[in-house]
Amino acid sequence: MTDDVLAYVLMRIKLGFTDQVLERLREIDEAVRIAVTTGEYDVVILLEVRNLEALYDITVNRIHKIEGIEETTTAVVEKMIST
């Protein structure tokens, strides 16, 4: 088990920007998974970072600056349960 921080970033994307946003998100090395979803959020990304400061850096200085992202919600994983 790792001591790294896992977090989901849920995003609402402007119409017509999904592919452009996905290209930019794929450049983030800490991205474990990227999913295009239906429902309230358009894209969900799972990040694995070494600490909360690194999470802050990625969300504020990288993700929030991607053109086409209207809104984000970040959920830090407190406990991961294997099935």
PDB file of N, CA and C in Angstrom:
ATOM      1  N   MET A   1       0.832  -1.179   0.000  1.00  0.00           N
ATOM      2  CA  MET A   1       0.000   0.000   0.000  1.00  0.00           C
ATOM      3  C   MET A   1       0.879   1.244   0.000  1.00  0.00           C
ATOM      4  N   THR A   2       0.479   2.229  -0.734  1.00  0.00           N
ATOM      5  CA  THR A   2       1.244   3.466  -0.870  1.00  0.00           C
ATOM      6  C   THR A   2       0.716   4.540   0.083  1.00  0.00           C
ATOM      7  N   ASP A   3       1.563   5.466   0.455  1.00  0.00           N
ATOM      8  CA  ASP A   3       1.141   6.592   1.288  1.00  0.00           C
ATOM      9  C   ASP A   3       0.771   7.799   0.446  1.00  0.00           C
ATOM     10  N   ASP A   4       0.775   7.624  -0.862  1.00  0.00           N
ATOM     11  CA  ASP A   4       0.406   8.726  -1.745  1.00  0.00           C
ATOM     12  C   ASP A   4      -1.046   9.113  -1.542  1.00  0.00           C
ATOM     13  N   VAL A   5      -1.375  10.319  -1.945  1.00  0.00           N
ATOM     14  CA  VAL A   5      -2.740  10.832  -1.864  1.00  0.00           C
ATOM     15  C   VAL A   5      -3.447  10.549  -3.184  1.00  0.00           C
ATOM     16  N   LEU A   6      -4.646   9.981  -3.099  1.00  0.00           N
ATOM     17  CA  LEU A   6      -5.490   9.768  -4.268  1.00  0.00           C
ATOM     18  C   LEU A   6      -6.620  10.783  -4.223  1.00  0.00           C
ATOM     19  N   ALA A   7      -6.982  11.306  -5.377  1.00  0.00           N
ATOM     20  CA  ALA A   7      -8.090  12.265  -5.443  1.00  0.00           C
ATOM     21  C   ALA A   7      -8.775  12.163  -6.797  1.00  0.00           C
ATOM     22  N   TYR A   8     -10.087  12.290  -6.757  1.00  0.00           N
ATOM     23  CA  TYR A   8     -10.876  12.374  -7.982  1.00  0.00           C
ATOM     24  C   TYR A   8     -11.157  13.838  -8.254  1.00  0.00           C
ATOM     25  N   VAL A   9     -10.955  14.263  -9.487  1.00  0.00           N
ATOM     26  CA  VAL A   9     -11.333  15.613  -9.888  1.00  0.00           C
ATOM     27  C   VAL A   9     -12.450  15.446 -10.911  1.00  0.00           C
ATOM     28  N   LEU A  10     -13.623  15.959 -10.562  1.00  0.00           N
ATOM     29  CA  LEU A  10     -14.809  15.864 -11.406  1.00  0.00           C
ATOM     30  C   LEU A  10     -14.977  17.189 -12.124  1.00  0.00           C
ATOM     31  N   MET A  11     -15.215  17.142 -13.437  1.00  0.00           N
ATOM     32  CA  MET A  11     -15.206  18.363 -14.237  1.00  0.00           C
ATOM     33  C   MET A  11     -16.438  18.504 -15.117  1.00  0.00           C
ATOM     34  N   ARG A  12     -16.872  19.736 -15.235  1.00  0.00           N
ATOM     35  CA  ARG A  12     -17.873  20.092 -16.229  1.00  0.00           C
ATOM     36  C   ARG A  12     -17.123  20.784 -17.364  1.00  0.00           C
ATOM     37  N   ILE A  13     -17.404  20.348 -18.588  1.00  0.00           N
ATOM     38  CA  ILE A  13     -16.667  20.828 -19.757  1.00  0.00           C
ATOM     39  C   ILE A  13     -17.611  21.613 -20.665  1.00  0.00           C
ATOM     40  N   LYS A  14     -17.103  22.715 -21.233  1.00  0.00           N
ATOM     41  CA  LYS A  14     -17.881  23.477 -22.215  1.00  0.00           C
ATOM     42  C   LYS A  14     -18.147  22.607 -23.434  1.00  0.00           C
ATOM     43  N   LEU A  15     -19.310  22.781 -24.030  1.00  0.00           N
ATOM     44  CA  LEU A  15     -19.655  22.036 -25.234  1.00  0.00           C
ATOM     45  C   LEU A  15     -18.590  22.244 -26.305  1.00  0.00           C
ATOM     46  N   GLY A  16     -18.188  21.147 -26.924  1.00  0.00           N
ATOM     47  CA  GLY A  16     -17.215  21.221 -28.005  1.00  0.00           C
ATOM     48  C   GLY A  16     -15.763  21.193 -27.566  1.00  0.00           C
ATOM     49  N   PHE A  17     -15.476  21.137 -26.264  1.00  0.00           N
ATOM     50  CA  PHE A  17     -14.103  21.193 -25.769  1.00  0.00           C
ATOM     51  C   PHE A  17     -13.596  19.865 -25.199  1.00  0.00           C
ATOM     52  N   THR A  18     -14.419  18.821 -25.214  1.00  0.00           N
ATOM     53  CA  THR A  18     -14.036  17.573 -24.539  1.00  0.00           C
ATOM     54  C   THR A  18     -12.715  17.009 -25.055  1.00  0.00           C
ATOM     55  N   ASP A  19     -12.571  16.867 -26.354  1.00  0.00           N
ATOM     56  CA  ASP A  19     -11.338  16.277 -26.901  1.00  0.00           C
ATOM     57  C   ASP A  19     -10.111  17.121 -26.561  1.00  0.00           C
ATOM     58  N   GLN A  20     -10.249  18.425 -26.645  1.00  0.00           N
ATOM     59  CA  GLN A  20      -9.148  19.338 -26.322  1.00  0.00           C
ATOM     60  C   GLN A  20      -8.749  19.206 -24.853  1.00  0.00           C
ATOM     61  N   VAL A  21      -9.739  19.134 -23.965  1.00  0.00           N
ATOM     62  CA  VAL A  21      -9.464  18.987 -22.534  1.00  0.00           C
ATOM     63  C   VAL A  21      -8.792  17.645 -22.266  1.00  0.00           C
ATOM     64  N   LEU A  22      -9.284  16.581 -22.883  1.00  0.00           N
ATOM     65  CA  LEU A  22      -8.686  15.252 -22.684  1.00  0.00           C
ATOM     66  C   LEU A  22      -7.223  15.220 -23.104  1.00  0.00           C
ATOM     67  N   GLU A  23      -6.897  15.876 -24.204  1.00  0.00           N
ATOM     68  CA  GLU A  23      -5.495  15.934 -24.645  1.00  0.00           C
ATOM     69  C   GLU A  23      -4.601  16.554 -23.585  1.00  0.00           C
ATOM     70  N   ARG A  24      -5.072  17.636 -22.989  1.00  0.00           N
ATOM     71  CA  ARG A  24      -4.284  18.326 -21.959  1.00  0.00           C
ATOM     72  C   ARG A  24      -4.189  17.497 -20.671  1.00  0.00           C
ATOM     73  N   LEU A  25      -5.286  16.841 -20.293  1.00  0.00           N
ATOM     74  CA  LEU A  25      -5.267  16.024 -19.079  1.00  0.00           C
ATOM     75  C   LEU A  25      -4.318  14.844 -19.214  1.00  0.00           C
ATOM     76  N   ARG A  26      -4.200  14.302 -20.416  1.00  0.00           N
ATOM     77  CA  ARG A  26      -3.299  13.159 -20.652  1.00  0.00           C
ATOM     78  C   ARG A  26      -1.833  13.540 -20.451  1.00  0.00           C
ATOM     79  N   GLU A  27      -1.510  14.824 -20.440  1.00  0.00           N
ATOM     80  CA  GLU A  27      -0.141  15.296 -20.216  1.00  0.00           C
ATOM     81  C   GLU A  27       0.243  15.260 -18.736  1.00  0.00           C
ATOM     82  N   ILE A  28      -0.718  15.041 -17.853  1.00  0.00           N
ATOM     83  CA  ILE A  28      -0.466  15.045 -16.409  1.00  0.00           C
ATOM     84  C   ILE A  28       0.004  13.650 -15.993  1.00  0.00           C
ATOM     85  N   ASP A  29       1.266  13.548 -15.605  1.00  0.00           N
ATOM     86  CA  ASP A  29       1.853  12.253 -15.247  1.00  0.00           C
ATOM     87  C   ASP A  29       1.157  11.594 -14.062  1.00  0.00           C
ATOM     88  N   GLU A  30       0.611  12.376 -13.167  1.00  0.00           N
ATOM     89  CA  GLU A  30      -0.026  11.850 -11.957  1.00  0.00           C
ATOM     90  C   GLU A  30      -1.438  11.321 -12.210  1.00  0.00           C
ATOM     91  N   ALA A  31      -1.912  11.440 -13.427  1.00  0.00           N
ATOM     92  CA  ALA A  31      -3.244  10.935 -13.777  1.00  0.00           C
ATOM     93  C   ALA A  31      -3.189   9.410 -13.879  1.00  0.00           C
ATOM     94  N   VAL A  32      -3.960   8.746 -13.030  1.00  0.00           N
ATOM     95  CA  VAL A  32      -4.032   7.287 -13.033  1.00  0.00           C
ATOM     96  C   VAL A  32      -5.071   6.826 -14.046  1.00  0.00           C
ATOM     97  N   ARG A  33      -6.213   7.492 -14.060  1.00  0.00           N
ATOM     98  CA  ARG A  33      -7.319   7.178 -14.977  1.00  0.00           C
ATOM     99  C   ARG A  33      -8.024   8.470 -15.354  1.00  0.00           C
ATOM    100  N   ILE A  34      -8.528   8.504 -16.584  1.00  0.00           N
ATOM    101  CA  ILE A  34      -9.357   9.611 -17.061  1.00  0.00           C
ATOM    102  C   ILE A  34     -10.593   8.982 -17.676  1.00  0.00           C
ATOM    103  N   ALA A  35     -11.766   9.432 -17.262  1.00  0.00           N
ATOM    104  CA  ALA A  35     -13.014   8.860 -17.770  1.00  0.00           C
ATOM    105  C   ALA A  35     -13.934   9.964 -18.272  1.00  0.00           C
ATOM    106  N   VAL A  36     -14.519   9.738 -19.438  1.00  0.00           N
ATOM    107  CA  VAL A  36     -15.589  10.598 -19.943  1.00  0.00           C
ATOM    108  C   VAL A  36     -16.883   9.957 -19.443  1.00  0.00           C
ATOM    109  N   THR A  37     -17.712  10.752 -18.776  1.00  0.00           N
ATOM    110  CA  THR A  37     -18.881  10.206 -18.105  1.00  0.00           C
ATOM    111  C   THR A  37     -20.165  10.902 -18.539  1.00  0.00           C
ATOM    112  N   THR A  38     -21.282  10.282 -18.193  1.00  0.00           N
ATOM    113  CA  THR A  38     -22.585  10.900 -18.391  1.00  0.00           C
ATOM    114  C   THR A  38     -23.054  11.430 -17.049  1.00  0.00           C
ATOM    115  N   GLY A  39     -24.049  12.282 -17.081  1.00  0.00           N
ATOM    116  CA  GLY A  39     -24.585  12.792 -15.830  1.00  0.00           C
ATOM    117  C   GLY A  39     -24.084  14.179 -15.511  1.00  0.00           C
ATOM    118  N   GLU A  40     -23.971  14.459 -14.227  1.00  0.00           N
ATOM    119  CA  GLU A  40     -23.641  15.804 -13.761  1.00  0.00           C
ATOM    120  C   GLU A  40     -22.250  16.269 -14.192  1.00  0.00           C
ATOM    121  N   TYR A  41     -21.298  15.333 -14.260  1.00  0.00           N
ATOM    122  CA  TYR A  41     -19.933  15.678 -14.650  1.00  0.00           C
ATOM    123  C   TYR A  41     -19.599  15.031 -15.981  1.00  0.00           C
ATOM    124  N   ASP A  42     -18.783  15.720 -16.766  1.00  0.00           N
ATOM    125  CA  ASP A  42     -18.419  15.250 -18.103  1.00  0.00           C
ATOM    126  C   ASP A  42     -17.153  14.410 -18.109  1.00  0.00           C
ATOM    127  N   VAL A  43     -16.205  14.770 -17.248  1.00  0.00           N
ATOM    128  CA  VAL A  43     -14.922  14.075 -17.173  1.00  0.00           C
ATOM    129  C   VAL A  43     -14.553  13.903 -15.705  1.00  0.00           C
ATOM    130  N   VAL A  44     -14.024  12.721 -15.391  1.00  0.00           N
ATOM    131  CA  VAL A  44     -13.516  12.444 -14.044  1.00  0.00           C
ATOM    132  C   VAL A  44     -12.092  11.930 -14.202  1.00  0.00           C
ATOM    133  N   ILE A  45     -11.184  12.494 -13.418  1.00  0.00           N
ATOM    134  CA  ILE A  45      -9.791  12.065 -13.459  1.00  0.00           C
ATOM    135  C   ILE A  45      -9.389  11.607 -12.065  1.00  0.00           C
ATOM    136  N   LEU A  46      -8.661  10.500 -11.997  1.00  0.00           N
ATOM    137  CA  LEU A  46      -8.111  10.022 -10.734  1.00  0.00           C
ATOM    138  C   LEU A  46      -6.631  10.378 -10.716  1.00  0.00           C
ATOM    139  N   LEU A  47      -6.236  11.120  -9.700  1.00  0.00           N
ATOM    140  CA  LEU A  47      -4.846  11.538  -9.545  1.00  0.00           C
ATOM    141  C   LEU A  47      -4.204  10.794  -8.380  1.00  0.00           C
ATOM    142  N   GLU A  48      -2.931  10.464  -8.534  1.00  0.00           N
ATOM    143  CA  GLU A  48      -2.139   9.914  -7.441  1.00  0.00           C
ATOM    144  C   GLU A  48      -0.930  10.820  -7.261  1.00  0.00           C
ATOM    145  N   VAL A  49      -0.883  11.505  -6.115  1.00  0.00           N
ATOM    146  CA  VAL A  49       0.171  12.486  -5.845  1.00  0.00           C
ATOM    147  C   VAL A  49       0.846  12.163  -4.515  1.00  0.00           C
ATOM    148  N   ARG A  50       2.009  12.738  -4.288  1.00  0.00           N
ATOM    149  CA  ARG A  50       2.768  12.414  -3.086  1.00  0.00           C
ATOM    150  C   ARG A  50       2.233  13.079  -1.821  1.00  0.00           C
ATOM    151  N   ASN A  51       1.529  14.228  -1.976  1.00  0.00           N
ATOM    152  CA  ASN A  51       0.980  14.913  -0.802  1.00  0.00           C
ATOM    153  C   ASN A  51      -0.069  15.935  -1.253  1.00  0.00           C
ATOM    154  N   LEU A  52      -0.708  16.572  -0.290  1.00  0.00           N
ATOM    155  CA  LEU A  52      -1.770  17.531  -0.607  1.00  0.00           C
ATOM    156  C   LEU A  52      -1.242  18.774  -1.309  1.00  0.00           C
ATOM    157  N   GLU A  53      -0.018  19.149  -1.023  1.00  0.00           N
ATOM    158  CA  GLU A  53       0.572  20.301  -1.712  1.00  0.00           C
ATOM    159  C   GLU A  53       0.719  20.014  -3.207  1.00  0.00           C
ATOM    160  N   ALA A  54       1.120  18.804  -3.543  1.00  0.00           N
ATOM    161  CA  ALA A  54       1.232  18.416  -4.955  1.00  0.00           C
ATOM    162  C   ALA A  54      -0.145  18.389  -5.618  1.00  0.00           C
ATOM    163  N   LEU A  55      -1.161  17.938  -4.883  1.00  0.00           N
ATOM    164  CA  LEU A  55      -2.528  17.955  -5.410  1.00  0.00           C
ATOM    165  C   LEU A  55      -2.966  19.386  -5.693  1.00  0.00           C
ATOM    166  N   TYR A  56      -2.696  20.273  -4.767  1.00  0.00           N
ATOM    167  CA  TYR A  56      -3.015  21.692  -4.951  1.00  0.00           C
ATOM    168  C   TYR A  56      -2.330  22.236  -6.200  1.00  0.00           C
ATOM    169  N   ASP A  57      -1.073  21.931  -6.355  1.00  0.00           N
ATOM    170  CA  ASP A  57      -0.317  22.424  -7.507  1.00  0.00           C
ATOM    171  C   ASP A  57      -0.933  21.950  -8.821  1.00  0.00           C
ATOM    172  N   ILE A  58      -1.285  20.682  -8.897  1.00  0.00           N
ATOM    173  CA  ILE A  58      -1.859  20.150 -10.134  1.00  0.00           C
ATOM    174  C   ILE A  58      -3.233  20.746 -10.409  1.00  0.00           C
ATOM    175  N   THR A  59      -4.081  20.813  -9.392  1.00  0.00           N
ATOM    176  CA  THR A  59      -5.436  21.316  -9.638  1.00  0.00           C
ATOM    177  C   THR A  59      -5.427  22.809  -9.962  1.00  0.00           C
ATOM    178  N   VAL A  60      -4.720  23.586  -9.180  1.00  0.00           N
ATOM    179  CA  VAL A  60      -4.756  25.049  -9.355  1.00  0.00           C
ATOM    180  C   VAL A  60      -3.898  25.519 -10.521  1.00  0.00           C
ATOM    181  N   ASN A  61      -2.714  24.971 -10.649  1.00  0.00           N
ATOM    182  CA  ASN A  61      -1.778  25.488 -11.657  1.00  0.00           C
ATOM    183  C   ASN A  61      -1.820  24.760 -12.997  1.00  0.00           C
ATOM    184  N   ARG A  62      -2.474  23.611 -13.041  1.00  0.00           N
ATOM    185  CA  ARG A  62      -2.548  22.886 -14.311  1.00  0.00           C
ATOM    186  C   ARG A  62      -3.991  22.696 -14.768  1.00  0.00           C
ATOM    187  N   ILE A  63      -4.787  21.984 -13.986  1.00  0.00           N
ATOM    188  CA  ILE A  63      -6.148  21.665 -14.423  1.00  0.00           C
ATOM    189  C   ILE A  63      -7.000  22.915 -14.574  1.00  0.00           C
ATOM    190  N   HIS A  64      -6.976  23.802 -13.590  1.00  0.00           N
ATOM    191  CA  HIS A  64      -7.815  25.004 -13.655  1.00  0.00           C
ATOM    192  C   HIS A  64      -7.447  25.933 -14.809  1.00  0.00           C
ATOM    193  N   LYS A  65      -6.280  25.765 -15.379  1.00  0.00           N
ATOM    194  CA  LYS A  65      -5.852  26.627 -16.484  1.00  0.00           C
ATOM    195  C   LYS A  65      -6.161  26.050 -17.861  1.00  0.00           C
ATOM    196  N   ILE A  66      -6.780  24.862 -17.897  1.00  0.00           N
ATOM    197  CA  ILE A  66      -7.105  24.238 -19.180  1.00  0.00           C
ATOM    198  C   ILE A  66      -8.356  24.895 -19.754  1.00  0.00           C
ATOM    199  N   GLU A  67      -8.233  25.425 -20.956  1.00  0.00           N
ATOM    200  CA  GLU A  67      -9.375  26.052 -21.619  1.00  0.00           C
ATOM    201  C   GLU A  67     -10.449  25.007 -21.893  1.00  0.00           C
ATOM    202  N   GLY A  68     -11.678  25.358 -21.563  1.00  0.00           N
ATOM    203  CA  GLY A  68     -12.807  24.471 -21.805  1.00  0.00           C
ATOM    204  C   GLY A  68     -13.378  23.848 -20.541  1.00  0.00           C
ATOM    205  N   ILE A  69     -12.624  23.903 -19.447  1.00  0.00           N
ATOM    206  CA  ILE A  69     -13.150  23.393 -18.188  1.00  0.00           C
ATOM    207  C   ILE A  69     -13.930  24.520 -17.514  1.00  0.00           C
ATOM    208  N   GLU A  70     -15.225  24.261 -17.277  1.00  0.00           N
ATOM    209  CA  GLU A  70     -16.083  25.271 -16.659  1.00  0.00           C
ATOM    210  C   GLU A  70     -16.032  25.232 -15.138  1.00  0.00           C
ATOM    211  N   GLU A  71     -15.954  24.032 -14.583  1.00  0.00           N
ATOM    212  CA  GLU A  71     -16.042  23.885 -13.130  1.00  0.00           C
ATOM    213  C   GLU A  71     -15.404  22.566 -12.722  1.00  0.00           C
ATOM    214  N   THR A  72     -14.789  22.542 -11.537  1.00  0.00           N
ATOM    215  CA  THR A  72     -14.234  21.302 -11.002  1.00  0.00           C
ATOM    216  C   THR A  72     -14.682  21.103  -9.563  1.00  0.00           C
ATOM    217  N   THR A  73     -14.735  19.849  -9.169  1.00  0.00           N
ATOM    218  CA  THR A  73     -14.930  19.457  -7.777  1.00  0.00           C
ATOM    219  C   THR A  73     -13.881  18.405  -7.487  1.00  0.00           C
ATOM    220  N   THR A  74     -13.144  18.574  -6.403  1.00  0.00           N
ATOM    221  CA  THR A  74     -12.097  17.624  -6.047  1.00  0.00           C
ATOM    222  C   THR A  74     -12.513  16.855  -4.803  1.00  0.00           C
ATOM    223  N   ALA A  75     -12.391  15.533  -4.883  1.00  0.00           N
ATOM    224  CA  ALA A  75     -12.710  14.661  -3.755  1.00  0.00           C
ATOM    225  C   ALA A  75     -11.471  13.843  -3.411  1.00  0.00           C
ATOM    226  N   VAL A  76     -10.894  14.107  -2.237  1.00  0.00           N
ATOM    227  CA  VAL A  76      -9.725  13.370  -1.777  1.00  0.00           C
ATOM    228  C   VAL A  76     -10.201  12.033  -1.206  1.00  0.00           C
ATOM    229  N   VAL A  77      -9.523  10.964  -1.590  1.00  0.00           N
ATOM    230  CA  VAL A  77      -9.870   9.623  -1.112  1.00  0.00           C
ATOM    231  C   VAL A  77      -9.343   9.467   0.306  1.00  0.00           C
ATOM    232  N   GLU A  78     -10.228   9.191   1.239  1.00  0.00           N
ATOM    233  CA  GLU A  78      -9.829   8.955   2.630  1.00  0.00           C
ATOM    234  C   GLU A  78      -9.458   7.499   2.865  1.00  0.00           C
ATOM    235  N   LYS A  79     -10.158   6.601   2.180  1.00  0.00           N
ATOM    236  CA  LYS A  79      -9.906   5.169   2.343  1.00  0.00           C
ATOM    237  C   LYS A  79     -10.305   4.465   1.056  1.00  0.00           C
ATOM    238  N   MET A  80      -9.418   3.637   0.543  1.00  0.00           N
ATOM    239  CA  MET A  80      -9.698   2.867  -0.663  1.00  0.00           C
ATOM    240  C   MET A  80      -9.919   1.419  -0.232  1.00  0.00           C
ATOM    241  N   ILE A  81     -11.021   0.836  -0.712  1.00  0.00           N
ATOM    242  CA  ILE A  81     -11.378  -0.528  -0.327  1.00  0.00           C
ATOM    243  C   ILE A  81     -11.265  -1.419  -1.547  1.00  0.00           C
ATOM    244  N   SER A  82     -10.489  -2.475  -1.434  1.00  0.00           N
ATOM    245  CA  SER A  82     -10.353  -3.435  -2.525  1.00  0.00           C
ATOM    246  C   SER A  82     -11.498  -4.438  -2.469  1.00  0.00           C
ATOM    247  N   THR A  83     -11.923  -4.901  -3.634  1.00  0.00           N
ATOM    248  CA  THR A  83     -13.002  -5.887  -3.666  1.00  0.00           C
ATOM    249  C   THR A  83     -12.458  -7.270  -3.864  1.00  0.00           C
TER     250      THR A  83
END
